[in-house]
Each structure stands twice: as structure tokens, then as C-alpha cells.
Amino acid sequence: MTTNAEIRIVPIAAEYIDGFHKALDTVAREREYLTLLEAFPLEETRAFVLGMIESGNPQFVALADKEVVGWCDISRHAFASHAHAGKLGMGIIPAYRGKGLGRRLLEAALRAARETGIERVELSVHADNHRAIALYEKVGFVREGLARKSVRIDGRHKDAIHMALLHEQPNQP
């Protein structure tokens, strides 16, 4: 297997759309970590990624050789009153978990978000995803709320924890 040092974290590009779609579908079909239960059709995924690129929203993929094995993206909110904030999404395919890859992806996306003026990064995580919660807290996210029975997958309810990280911006005159 490829070692963590050989895994590259790169900005999303059109050439990685098929691989991103496959990785997203793999994680979604586990029916455990994502609210999405399967990837959107490839053409919708392509439109999403191309829109992220066009908008300058941070989106990174982890590449083992040429295979996409993980991703992290931050979608800036559309309303002008919320445009200082973005929503984070991420995932890693099973064979590559527990190797520090999530932190590398997260740090790349957060750095890019700060550079593009995103002051607030929000996320929702299933309350039973303890490893993800620990990672988010390590990089500075704080819990802001609990949504009880927010998700129902195969008849199982899950609570969701809402978290956010604030990038303090210098006051502008």
C-alpha cells in the first residue's frame, strides 16, 4: 500500500472528478459517516466540482498514485450576509483512514479558506463519529450545538453535532 508520505494533497482539478465521484460514492455507501447515502450522478458531481473551481472555493483531494482516496472542501454560502462563511465536507476511503490524511486534507482546505477570506467554517458531524470529532477539535473547531435525531439511516437515528472554526480577520477601517 502507498504510505502517507507518498500521498499527495492537491487542489481539485477537472481530471480528478471521476476519482472524486468514486471516493464520495464509496464513503456514502458505507451508510455510516455521511448524510449522503450514495454519490450524486456523475454529471451533477462534475457540475459541483467545476462550480467549486470557478467560485474559488477550497477543494482538495488526496491522491495515492493517481487514485483519489480522500477529499475536503469548503463551500462558501451563497447569501451575501453569509458569504464570510462556508460549509465543510470531507471523507476518506476506508483503507486510508487512521494515517493522518484527514488532518492534512483539513489543514490544506482551512489554509485556502483563510486565504480566500472565509472567516467562519461550519460543519455537521454525526455524534457517534468520535475520530472525526477529535480531529475537528484538534484543529480548532468548537461545538456549537446538537441536533437530536438529525439523521435517519436504515431506521437508525443519529444526532449531529454542529461545529465551527472562526478565522479572526483584522478589523478593516
Protein backbone atom coordinates (compact mmCIF):
# COMPACT_ATOMS: atom_id res chain seq x y z
CA MET A 1 0.00 0.00 0.00
CA THR A 2 1.05 3.59 -0.56
CA THR A 3 2.50 5.31 2.51
CA ASN A 4 1.18 8.60 3.87
CA ALA A 5 4.32 10.39 2.62
CA GLU A 6 3.56 9.23 -0.92
CA ILE A 7 0.00 10.55 -0.81
CA ARG A 8 -0.23 13.97 -2.39
CA ILE A 9 -2.74 16.61 -1.33
CA VAL A 10 -3.64 18.69 -4.39
CA PRO A 11 -6.32 21.19 -5.35
CA ILE A 12 -9.23 19.62 -7.20
CA ALA A 13 -8.99 19.76 -10.98
CA ALA A 14 -11.26 18.52 -13.77
CA GLU A 15 -9.05 15.47 -14.25
CA TYR A 16 -9.90 14.26 -10.72
CA ILE A 17 -13.70 14.49 -11.00
CA ASP A 18 -14.27 10.81 -11.81
CA GLY A 19 -11.99 9.74 -8.95
CA PHE A 20 -13.65 12.17 -6.54
CA HIS A 21 -17.06 10.82 -7.55
CA LYS A 22 -15.89 7.25 -6.92
CA ALA A 23 -14.39 8.10 -3.50
CA LEU A 24 -17.52 10.03 -2.48
CA ASP A 25 -19.72 7.12 -3.53
CA THR A 26 -17.53 4.63 -1.63
CA VAL A 27 -17.81 6.57 1.63
CA ALA A 28 -21.50 7.38 1.15
CA ARG A 29 -22.43 3.75 0.56
CA GLU A 30 -20.95 2.78 3.93
CA ARG A 31 -24.09 4.46 5.33
CA GLU A 32 -22.17 5.47 8.42
CA TYR A 33 -20.30 8.79 8.12
CA LEU A 34 -22.07 10.89 5.51
CA THR A 35 -25.67 12.01 5.36
CA LEU A 36 -25.48 11.31 1.63
CA LEU A 37 -26.20 7.61 1.02
CA GLU A 38 -24.73 7.48 -2.48
CA ALA A 39 -22.95 9.96 -4.70
CA PHE A 40 -25.00 12.22 -6.91
CA PRO A 41 -24.90 11.21 -10.58
CA LEU A 42 -21.54 11.85 -12.20
CA GLU A 43 -22.78 14.84 -14.23
CA GLU A 44 -24.11 16.54 -11.06
CA THR A 45 -20.81 15.85 -9.33
CA ARG A 46 -18.96 17.30 -12.34
CA ALA A 47 -21.11 20.45 -12.19
CA PHE A 48 -20.46 20.76 -8.43
CA VAL A 49 -16.69 20.44 -8.81
CA LEU A 50 -16.48 22.80 -11.79
CA GLY A 51 -18.60 25.30 -9.83
CA MET A 52 -16.25 24.99 -6.85
CA ILE A 53 -13.27 25.68 -9.11
CA GLU A 54 -14.98 28.61 -10.83
CA SER A 55 -16.02 30.13 -7.49
CA GLY A 56 -12.56 29.72 -5.97
CA ASN A 57 -13.92 27.57 -3.15
CA PRO A 58 -11.30 25.40 -1.45
CA GLN A 59 -11.46 21.77 -2.53
CA PHE A 60 -8.59 19.34 -2.17
CA VAL A 61 -8.14 15.67 -2.96
CA ALA A 62 -5.68 13.13 -1.63
CA LEU A 63 -4.00 11.11 -4.38
CA ALA A 64 -2.38 7.71 -3.89
CA ASP A 65 -0.65 7.33 -7.22
CA LYS A 66 -3.48 8.67 -9.41
CA GLU A 67 -6.37 7.36 -7.30
CA VAL A 68 -8.46 9.80 -5.27
CA VAL A 69 -8.55 8.36 -1.74
CA GLY A 70 -9.97 11.35 0.14
CA TRP A 71 -11.26 14.90 -0.18
CA CYS A 72 -12.01 18.03 1.78
CA ASP A 73 -13.97 21.00 0.50
CA ILE A 74 -15.44 24.22 1.84
CA SER A 75 -18.43 25.69 0.01
CA ARG A 76 -18.91 29.39 0.60
CA HIS A 77 -22.51 30.28 1.46
CA ALA A 78 -24.41 31.95 -1.38
CA PHE A 79 -26.28 34.69 0.50
CA ALA A 80 -24.31 37.94 0.80
CA SER A 81 -25.00 38.12 4.54
CA HIS A 82 -23.39 34.68 4.98
CA ALA A 83 -20.65 34.91 2.32
CA HIS A 84 -17.98 35.21 5.02
CA ALA A 85 -18.73 31.59 5.94
CA GLY A 86 -18.52 28.19 4.31
CA LYS A 87 -19.61 24.61 4.95
CA LEU A 88 -17.00 21.87 5.18
CA GLY A 89 -17.34 18.39 3.78
CA MET A 90 -14.75 15.64 3.76
CA GLY A 91 -14.21 11.93 3.59
CA ILE A 92 -11.53 9.28 3.23
CA ILE A 93 -11.98 5.80 1.75
CA PRO A 94 -11.65 3.04 4.35
CA ALA A 95 -8.17 1.70 3.52
CA TYR A 96 -6.61 5.14 4.06
CA ARG A 97 -8.17 6.10 7.40
CA GLY A 98 -6.19 6.49 10.61
CA LYS A 99 -2.98 7.61 8.88
CA GLY A 100 -3.11 11.39 9.37
CA LEU A 101 -4.55 12.01 5.93
CA GLY A 102 -7.69 13.69 7.25
CA ARG A 103 -5.63 16.25 9.11
CA ARG A 104 -3.51 17.00 6.03
CA LEU A 105 -6.62 17.50 3.89
CA LEU A 106 -8.33 19.59 6.54
CA GLU A 107 -5.31 21.85 7.08
CA ALA A 108 -4.94 22.43 3.32
CA ALA A 109 -8.61 23.38 2.96
CA LEU A 110 -8.60 25.62 6.05
CA ARG A 111 -5.45 27.42 4.87
CA ALA A 112 -7.05 28.04 1.47
CA ALA A 113 -10.28 29.20 3.12
CA ARG A 114 -8.38 31.73 5.23
CA GLU A 115 -6.52 32.96 2.13
CA THR A 116 -9.80 33.50 0.26
CA GLY A 117 -11.38 35.44 3.12
CA ILE A 118 -13.65 32.77 4.57
CA GLU A 119 -13.84 33.77 8.23
CA ARG A 120 -16.12 31.02 9.52
CA VAL A 121 -16.04 27.34 8.59
CA GLU A 122 -19.04 25.26 9.68
CA LEU A 123 -19.70 21.54 9.69
CA SER A 124 -22.10 18.92 10.96
CA VAL A 125 -20.76 15.57 12.11
CA HIS A 126 -22.63 12.50 13.31
CA ALA A 127 -22.34 12.43 17.10
CA ASP A 128 -21.04 8.85 17.05
CA ASN A 129 -18.12 9.71 14.74
CA HIS A 130 -15.68 10.19 17.61
CA ARG A 131 -12.49 10.13 15.49
CA ALA A 132 -13.75 12.90 13.22
CA ILE A 133 -14.91 14.99 16.19
CA ALA A 134 -11.49 14.62 17.84
CA LEU A 135 -9.77 15.71 14.60
CA TYR A 136 -12.01 18.75 14.22
CA GLU A 137 -11.38 19.80 17.81
CA LYS A 138 -7.59 19.35 17.39
CA VAL A 139 -7.54 21.86 14.54
CA GLY A 140 -9.68 24.40 16.42
CA PHE A 141 -13.35 23.65 15.74
CA VAL A 142 -15.71 24.15 18.68
CA ARG A 143 -19.08 22.58 19.29
CA GLU A 144 -21.94 25.00 18.79
CA GLY A 145 -24.97 22.77 19.07
CA LEU A 146 -26.60 19.39 18.95
CA ALA A 147 -29.32 18.42 16.51
CA ARG A 148 -31.11 15.46 18.06
CA LYS A 149 -32.22 12.68 15.70
CA SER A 150 -30.96 14.79 12.82
CA VAL A 151 -30.22 11.82 10.58
CA ARG A 152 -32.06 8.55 9.97
CA ILE A 153 -30.24 5.84 8.08
CA ASP A 154 -31.76 2.38 7.73
CA GLY A 155 -34.15 3.13 10.58
CA ARG A 156 -31.36 4.26 12.94
CA HIS A 157 -31.47 7.81 14.24
CA LYS A 158 -28.28 9.75 14.79
CA ASP A 159 -27.66 13.05 16.47
CA ALA A 160 -25.49 15.59 14.67
CA ILE A 161 -23.04 17.96 16.31
CA HIS A 162 -22.71 21.39 14.71
CA MET A 163 -19.19 22.79 14.93
CA ALA A 164 -17.42 25.89 13.64
CA LEU A 165 -13.97 27.38 13.41
CA LEU A 166 -13.50 31.14 13.23
CA HIS A 167 -10.60 32.70 11.35
CA GLU A 168 -10.20 36.06 13.03
CA GLN A 169 -9.77 38.75 10.39
CA PRO A 170 -8.06 42.05 11.19
CA ASN A 171 -10.53 44.91 11.59
CA GLN A 172 -10.83 46.93 8.44
CA PRO A 173 -11.08 50.72 8.60
